[in-house]
Each structure stands twice: as structure tokens, then as C-alpha cells.
Amino acid sequence: MAEPKNEEFLDDIATAEAEELAEDMVELDDAAVELDELRAERDQLKDKFMRALADAENARKRGDRARREAEQYGGSKLARDLLPVYDNLKRGLESATDEQKEVSAALIEGVELTMRALLDVFSKHGIQVVTPQVGDRFDPQMHEAMFEAPLPGTKAGDIIQVSAEGFMLHDRLLRPAQVGVSSNPG
């Protein structure tokens, strides 16, 4: 009769081992779930980090671009304010007669030197003069039409008069050239 006790004992051991194994499995399952949660959290944090890194790089690039634009175009208001000075110097030089040039040669030379110095400053800061010629085609991106008139021997859209030169600041139009345009239907 001792054998049934052994069987019971073996059953008890098997049951205990099964329970212990089940507990170990539950602990392993809990550990696996916790590990999966930690991996998911790590992946989320890594994604946030990469996005923050990309945002920082984009902000740096925007800042660099803004700095370059400020360097190139920051003085455009001052440059625009200097354009009438150029216009007045040019008009003064063009209006001087030969007799006035002989009598006031030193004065005229001073104005010419001032004009050259102003053009050198313009050139140093990326300002170029836009000088259309009579007969050129009207370009609305570079010219401002001050008037239209039919002029024999011209085609519609031809420049027939230049009232004022235009100016570019690097690749941007600072002031369009002011021109008269032919309106001939031919």
C-alpha cells in the first residue's frame, strides 16, 4: 500500500513543479511585457529625439538663410534713399553746358568724382544700374512704363524714351527703370 502514497507524493511534486513552472512563466510573461513596453517607449523617445534634431537643423538653416538675406538685402532701404542722390548728380552733370564746363571745370570734376565714388559704393554693396536703351523691348520685370505713345517706325512694346535708370540689389529689383513705351499697332 505504500505505492499509492508514492503516487500521491509524486503527483504532489508534479503539481508543485507545475505550479512553480506556471509562476515562472507568468513572471517571464510579465518580464516580456515589461521589456516590450520599454522597447516601445525607447522607440518613441528615439523618434522624438530624431524629430527634435531635425527641427534644430532646420532652425539653423533658416537662421543662416535669414542672416545671409539680412547681409545682402538689409541695406535696401538706405540704398533706395540714395537713388535720388544718384539721379540728381546725373541730371546736374548732363545739364552742364560746354561753356559751364570750361568756366567751372573744377566744380564739374568734383561732381564727376562724387558720382564715381557713389557708383563704387553701389558696386561694393551689390547695387547695379539697369540702363535700358531706346529700341529695347519693354520688360515688366525690370521696367516701369511711365507713358505709352504711338511712334512711327517702332513696334508696340519698344522702349521709346528712358526717364530714369533702374537699380538691382544683387538679384532683386531695387527700383525699376522708368521708360516710355511705343503703342504702335504694327
C-alpha atoms as a PDB file:
ATOM      1  CA  MET A   1       0.000   0.000   0.000  1.00  0.00           C
ATOM      2  CA  ALA A   2       2.907   2.228   0.124  1.00  0.00           C
ATOM      3  CA  GLU A   3       2.751   2.723  -3.555  1.00  0.00           C
ATOM      4  CA  PRO A   4      -0.383   4.871  -3.643  1.00  0.00           C
ATOM      5  CA  LYS A   5       1.301   7.202  -1.216  1.00  0.00           C
ATOM      6  CA  ASN A   6       4.269   7.389  -3.547  1.00  0.00           C
ATOM      7  CA  GLU A   7       1.967   8.144  -6.397  1.00  0.00           C
ATOM      8  CA  GLU A   8       0.268  10.841  -4.371  1.00  0.00           C
ATOM      9  CA  PHE A   9       3.652  12.164  -3.378  1.00  0.00           C
ATOM     10  CA  LEU A  10       4.798  12.144  -6.974  1.00  0.00           C
ATOM     11  CA  ASP A  11       1.560  13.812  -8.018  1.00  0.00           C
ATOM     12  CA  ASP A  12       2.077  16.439  -5.338  1.00  0.00           C
ATOM     13  CA  ILE A  13       5.630  17.040  -6.557  1.00  0.00           C
ATOM     14  CA  ALA A  14       4.466  17.215 -10.166  1.00  0.00           C
ATOM     15  CA  THR A  15       1.688  19.622  -9.203  1.00  0.00           C
ATOM     16  CA  ALA A  16       4.120  21.762  -7.203  1.00  0.00           C
ATOM     17  CA  GLU A  17       6.583  21.772 -10.087  1.00  0.00           C
ATOM     18  CA  ALA A  18       3.784  22.635 -12.495  1.00  0.00           C
ATOM     19  CA  GLU A  19       2.639  25.490 -10.250  1.00  0.00           C
ATOM     20  CA  GLU A  20       6.208  26.732  -9.888  1.00  0.00           C
ATOM     21  CA  LEU A  21       6.679  26.473 -13.645  1.00  0.00           C
ATOM     22  CA  ALA A  22       3.398  28.340 -14.186  1.00  0.00           C
ATOM     23  CA  GLU A  23       4.552  31.066 -11.776  1.00  0.00           C
ATOM     24  CA  ASP A  24       7.877  31.267 -13.603  1.00  0.00           C
ATOM     25  CA  MET A  25       6.009  31.511 -16.916  1.00  0.00           C
ATOM     26  CA  VAL A  26       3.823  34.310 -15.520  1.00  0.00           C
ATOM     27  CA  GLU A  27       6.950  36.103 -14.295  1.00  0.00           C
ATOM     28  CA  LEU A  28       8.557  35.567 -17.706  1.00  0.00           C
ATOM     29  CA  ASP A  29       5.401  36.832 -19.413  1.00  0.00           C
ATOM     30  CA  ASP A  30       5.383  39.899 -17.128  1.00  0.00           C
ATOM     31  CA  ALA A  31       9.076  40.482 -17.861  1.00  0.00           C
ATOM     32  CA  ALA A  32       8.475  40.083 -21.605  1.00  0.00           C
ATOM     33  CA  VAL A  33       5.545  42.508 -21.471  1.00  0.00           C
ATOM     34  CA  GLU A  34       7.619  44.987 -19.471  1.00  0.00           C
ATOM     35  CA  LEU A  35      10.508  44.557 -21.939  1.00  0.00           C
ATOM     36  CA  ASP A  36       8.147  45.177 -24.878  1.00  0.00           C
ATOM     37  CA  GLU A  37       6.784  48.290 -23.158  1.00  0.00           C
ATOM     38  CA  LEU A  38      10.310  49.562 -22.540  1.00  0.00           C
ATOM     39  CA  ARG A  39      11.246  48.939 -26.169  1.00  0.00           C
ATOM     40  CA  ALA A  40       8.155  50.828 -27.356  1.00  0.00           C
ATOM     41  CA  GLU A  41       8.953  53.731 -25.006  1.00  0.00           C
ATOM     42  CA  ARG A  42      12.576  53.720 -26.232  1.00  0.00           C
ATOM     43  CA  ASP A  43      11.384  53.825 -29.839  1.00  0.00           C
ATOM     44  CA  GLN A  44       9.043  56.741 -29.077  1.00  0.00           C
ATOM     45  CA  LEU A  45      11.817  58.660 -27.331  1.00  0.00           C
ATOM     46  CA  LYS A  46      14.208  57.921 -30.180  1.00  0.00           C
ATOM     47  CA  ASP A  47      11.603  59.208 -32.664  1.00  0.00           C
ATOM     48  CA  LYS A  48      11.087  62.376 -30.596  1.00  0.00           C
ATOM     49  CA  PHE A  49      14.839  62.867 -30.375  1.00  0.00           C
ATOM     50  CA  MET A  50      15.286  62.481 -34.135  1.00  0.00           C
ATOM     51  CA  ARG A  51      12.453  64.931 -34.801  1.00  0.00           C
ATOM     52  CA  ALA A  52      13.933  67.435 -32.354  1.00  0.00           C
ATOM     53  CA  LEU A  53      17.313  67.022 -34.020  1.00  0.00           C
ATOM     54  CA  ALA A  54      15.769  67.620 -37.467  1.00  0.00           C
ATOM     55  CA  ASP A  55      13.875  70.664 -36.148  1.00  0.00           C
ATOM     56  CA  ALA A  56      17.092  72.077 -34.707  1.00  0.00           C
ATOM     57  CA  GLU A  57      18.887  71.552 -38.027  1.00  0.00           C
ATOM     58  CA  ASN A  58      16.045  73.214 -39.933  1.00  0.00           C
ATOM     59  CA  ALA A  59      16.075  76.152 -37.498  1.00  0.00           C
ATOM     60  CA  ARG A  60      19.830  76.505 -38.001  1.00  0.00           C
ATOM     61  CA  LYS A  61      19.387  76.512 -41.786  1.00  0.00           C
ATOM     62  CA  ARG A  62      16.568  79.089 -41.553  1.00  0.00           C
ATOM     63  CA  GLY A  63      18.766  81.232 -39.335  1.00  0.00           C
ATOM     64  CA  ASP A  64      21.671  81.005 -41.772  1.00  0.00           C
ATOM     65  CA  ARG A  65      19.398  81.923 -44.675  1.00  0.00           C
ATOM     66  CA  ALA A  66      17.917  84.856 -42.727  1.00  0.00           C
ATOM     67  CA  ARG A  67      21.409  86.060 -41.803  1.00  0.00           C
ATOM     68  CA  ARG A  68      22.569  85.882 -45.444  1.00  0.00           C
ATOM     69  CA  GLU A  69      19.478  87.754 -46.609  1.00  0.00           C
ATOM     70  CA  ALA A  70      19.968  90.385 -43.911  1.00  0.00           C
ATOM     71  CA  GLU A  71      23.569  90.828 -45.029  1.00  0.00           C
ATOM     72  CA  GLN A  72      22.623  91.112 -48.705  1.00  0.00           C
ATOM     73  CA  TYR A  73      19.343  92.993 -48.521  1.00  0.00           C
ATOM     74  CA  GLY A  74      19.363  94.641 -45.084  1.00  0.00           C
ATOM     75  CA  GLY A  75      20.571  97.949 -46.510  1.00  0.00           C
ATOM     76  CA  SER A  76      17.949  98.113 -49.259  1.00  0.00           C
ATOM     77  CA  LYS A  77      16.046 100.960 -47.562  1.00  0.00           C
ATOM     78  CA  LEU A  78      19.204 103.060 -47.324  1.00  0.00           C
ATOM     79  CA  ALA A  79      20.119 102.140 -50.895  1.00  0.00           C
ATOM     80  CA  ARG A  80      16.658 103.221 -52.109  1.00  0.00           C
ATOM     81  CA  ASP A  81      17.091 106.521 -50.265  1.00  0.00           C
ATOM     82  CA  LEU A  82      20.419 107.096 -52.062  1.00  0.00           C
ATOM     83  CA  LEU A  83      18.995 106.619 -55.559  1.00  0.00           C
ATOM     84  CA  PRO A  84      17.668 110.209 -55.817  1.00  0.00           C
ATOM     85  CA  VAL A  85      21.186 111.424 -54.978  1.00  0.00           C
ATOM     86  CA  TYR A  86      22.469 109.470 -57.981  1.00  0.00           C
ATOM     87  CA  ASP A  87      19.640 110.853 -60.155  1.00  0.00           C
ATOM     88  CA  ASN A  88      20.372 114.439 -59.118  1.00  0.00           C
ATOM     89  CA  LEU A  89      24.127 114.124 -59.676  1.00  0.00           C
ATOM     90  CA  LYS A  90      23.491 112.623 -63.115  1.00  0.00           C
ATOM     91  CA  ARG A  91      20.992 115.331 -64.056  1.00  0.00           C
ATOM     92  CA  GLY A  92      23.421 118.003 -62.863  1.00  0.00           C
ATOM     93  CA  LEU A  93      26.237 116.603 -64.988  1.00  0.00           C
ATOM     94  CA  GLU A  94      24.005 116.192 -68.047  1.00  0.00           C
ATOM     95  CA  SER A  95      22.622 119.722 -67.786  1.00  0.00           C
ATOM     96  CA  ALA A  96      26.010 121.446 -67.699  1.00  0.00           C
ATOM     97  CA  THR A  97      26.735 123.186 -70.992  1.00  0.00           C
ATOM     98  CA  ASP A  98      30.160 123.184 -72.645  1.00  0.00           C
ATOM     99  CA  GLU A  99      30.629 126.801 -71.585  1.00  0.00           C
ATOM    100  CA  GLN A 100      29.793 125.967 -67.967  1.00  0.00           C
ATOM    101  CA  LYS A 101      32.165 123.007 -68.109  1.00  0.00           C
ATOM    102  CA  GLU A 102      35.016 125.295 -69.222  1.00  0.00           C
ATOM    103  CA  VAL A 103      34.295 128.002 -66.644  1.00  0.00           C
ATOM    104  CA  SER A 104      33.655 125.617 -63.741  1.00  0.00           C
ATOM    105  CA  ALA A 105      35.927 122.721 -64.692  1.00  0.00           C
ATOM    106  CA  ALA A 106      36.982 122.054 -61.084  1.00  0.00           C
ATOM    107  CA  LEU A 107      33.370 122.024 -59.870  1.00  0.00           C
ATOM    108  CA  ILE A 108      32.259 119.673 -62.661  1.00  0.00           C
ATOM    109  CA  GLU A 109      35.235 117.408 -61.965  1.00  0.00           C
ATOM    110  CA  GLY A 110      34.269 117.338 -58.264  1.00  0.00           C
ATOM    111  CA  VAL A 111      30.706 116.316 -59.128  1.00  0.00           C
ATOM    112  CA  GLU A 112      32.034 113.629 -61.523  1.00  0.00           C
ATOM    113  CA  LEU A 113      34.334 112.280 -58.794  1.00  0.00           C
ATOM    114  CA  THR A 114      31.417 112.250 -56.350  1.00  0.00           C
ATOM    115  CA  MET A 115      29.326 110.355 -58.905  1.00  0.00           C
ATOM    116  CA  ARG A 116      32.151 107.814 -59.412  1.00  0.00           C
ATOM    117  CA  ALA A 117      32.549 107.383 -55.641  1.00  0.00           C
ATOM    118  CA  LEU A 118      28.790 106.794 -55.284  1.00  0.00           C
ATOM    119  CA  LEU A 119      28.880 104.193 -58.085  1.00  0.00           C
ATOM    120  CA  ASP A 120      31.869 102.491 -56.404  1.00  0.00           C
ATOM    121  CA  VAL A 121      29.917 102.279 -53.131  1.00  0.00           C
ATOM    122  CA  PHE A 122      26.920 100.910 -55.041  1.00  0.00           C
ATOM    123  CA  SER A 123      29.126  98.292 -56.705  1.00  0.00           C
ATOM    124  CA  LYS A 124      30.765  97.348 -53.390  1.00  0.00           C
ATOM    125  CA  HIS A 125      27.341  96.616 -51.905  1.00  0.00           C
ATOM    126  CA  GLY A 126      25.900  94.739 -54.893  1.00  0.00           C
ATOM    127  CA  ILE A 127      23.868  97.547 -56.462  1.00  0.00           C
ATOM    128  CA  GLN A 128      23.926  97.587 -60.272  1.00  0.00           C
ATOM    129  CA  VAL A 129      22.447 100.200 -62.560  1.00  0.00           C
ATOM    130  CA  VAL A 130      19.787  98.963 -65.006  1.00  0.00           C
ATOM    131  CA  THR A 131      20.154 101.097 -68.129  1.00  0.00           C
ATOM    132  CA  PRO A 132      17.664 100.237 -70.857  1.00  0.00           C
ATOM    133  CA  GLN A 133      18.254 101.680 -74.318  1.00  0.00           C
ATOM    134  CA  VAL A 134      15.768 103.209 -76.742  1.00  0.00           C
ATOM    135  CA  GLY A 135      14.611 100.380 -79.005  1.00  0.00           C
ATOM    136  CA  ASP A 136      14.906  97.647 -76.324  1.00  0.00           C
ATOM    137  CA  ARG A 137      11.809  95.584 -75.557  1.00  0.00           C
ATOM    138  CA  PHE A 138       9.754  96.584 -72.537  1.00  0.00           C
ATOM    139  CA  ASP A 139      10.217  94.079 -69.692  1.00  0.00           C
ATOM    140  CA  PRO A 140       7.635  94.497 -66.910  1.00  0.00           C
ATOM    141  CA  GLN A 141      10.014  92.715 -64.503  1.00  0.00           C
ATOM    142  CA  MET A 142      12.681  95.407 -64.969  1.00  0.00           C
ATOM    143  CA  HIS A 143      10.874  98.475 -66.332  1.00  0.00           C
ATOM    144  CA  GLU A 144       8.023 100.712 -65.273  1.00  0.00           C
ATOM    145  CA  ALA A 145       6.010 102.197 -68.141  1.00  0.00           C
ATOM    146  CA  MET A 146       5.526 105.904 -67.445  1.00  0.00           C
ATOM    147  CA  PHE A 147       3.551 106.508 -70.643  1.00  0.00           C
ATOM    148  CA  GLU A 148       2.576 104.921 -73.947  1.00  0.00           C
ATOM    149  CA  ALA A 149       2.640 106.754 -77.258  1.00  0.00           C
ATOM    150  CA  PRO A 150       2.447 105.752 -80.907  1.00  0.00           C
ATOM    151  CA  LEU A 151       5.806 106.488 -82.523  1.00  0.00           C
ATOM    152  CA  PRO A 152       6.296 105.819 -86.241  1.00  0.00           C
ATOM    153  CA  GLY A 153       8.990 103.264 -87.043  1.00  0.00           C
ATOM    154  CA  THR A 154       8.578 101.342 -83.770  1.00  0.00           C
ATOM    155  CA  LYS A 155       6.683  98.242 -82.681  1.00  0.00           C
ATOM    156  CA  ALA A 156       4.305  98.052 -79.754  1.00  0.00           C
ATOM    157  CA  GLY A 157       6.295  97.301 -76.609  1.00  0.00           C
ATOM    158  CA  ASP A 158       9.518  99.004 -77.752  1.00  0.00           C
ATOM    159  CA  ILE A 159      11.112 101.489 -75.364  1.00  0.00           C
ATOM    160  CA  ILE A 160      10.957 104.955 -76.929  1.00  0.00           C
ATOM    161  CA  GLN A 161      12.317 107.008 -74.014  1.00  0.00           C
ATOM    162  CA  VAL A 162      14.236 106.381 -70.773  1.00  0.00           C
ATOM    163  CA  SER A 163      13.147 108.753 -67.985  1.00  0.00           C
ATOM    164  CA  ALA A 164      15.181 107.216 -65.140  1.00  0.00           C
ATOM    165  CA  GLU A 165      17.541 104.291 -64.773  1.00  0.00           C
ATOM    166  CA  GLY A 166      16.640 101.335 -62.597  1.00  0.00           C
ATOM    167  CA  PHE A 167      18.687  99.535 -59.984  1.00  0.00           C
ATOM    168  CA  MET A 168      19.201  95.935 -58.864  1.00  0.00           C
ATOM    169  CA  LEU A 169      20.377  94.918 -55.403  1.00  0.00           C
ATOM    170  CA  HIS A 170      22.106  91.589 -56.053  1.00  0.00           C
ATOM    171  CA  ASP A 171      19.283  89.634 -57.741  1.00  0.00           C
ATOM    172  CA  ARG A 172      16.365  91.781 -56.543  1.00  0.00           C
ATOM    173  CA  LEU A 173      14.911  94.802 -58.240  1.00  0.00           C
ATOM    174  CA  LEU A 174      15.512  97.880 -56.107  1.00  0.00           C
ATOM    175  CA  ARG A 175      13.845 100.324 -58.494  1.00  0.00           C
ATOM    176  CA  PRO A 176      12.515  99.656 -61.993  1.00  0.00           C
ATOM    177  CA  ALA A 177      13.798 101.771 -64.872  1.00  0.00           C
ATOM    178  CA  GLN A 178      11.172 104.344 -65.820  1.00  0.00           C
ATOM    179  CA  VAL A 179      10.507 104.282 -69.548  1.00  0.00           C
ATOM    180  CA  GLY A 180       8.132 105.394 -72.254  1.00  0.00           C
ATOM    181  CA  VAL A 181       6.735 102.604 -74.414  1.00  0.00           C
ATOM    182  CA  SER A 182       5.529 102.568 -78.009  1.00  0.00           C
ATOM    183  CA  SER A 183       1.887 101.724 -78.544  1.00  0.00           C
ATOM    184  CA  ASN A 184       2.086 101.359 -82.334  1.00  0.00           C
ATOM    185  CA  PRO A 185      -0.358  98.727 -83.501  1.00  0.00           C
ATOM    186  CA  GLY A 186       2.166  97.472 -86.110  1.00  0.00           C
END
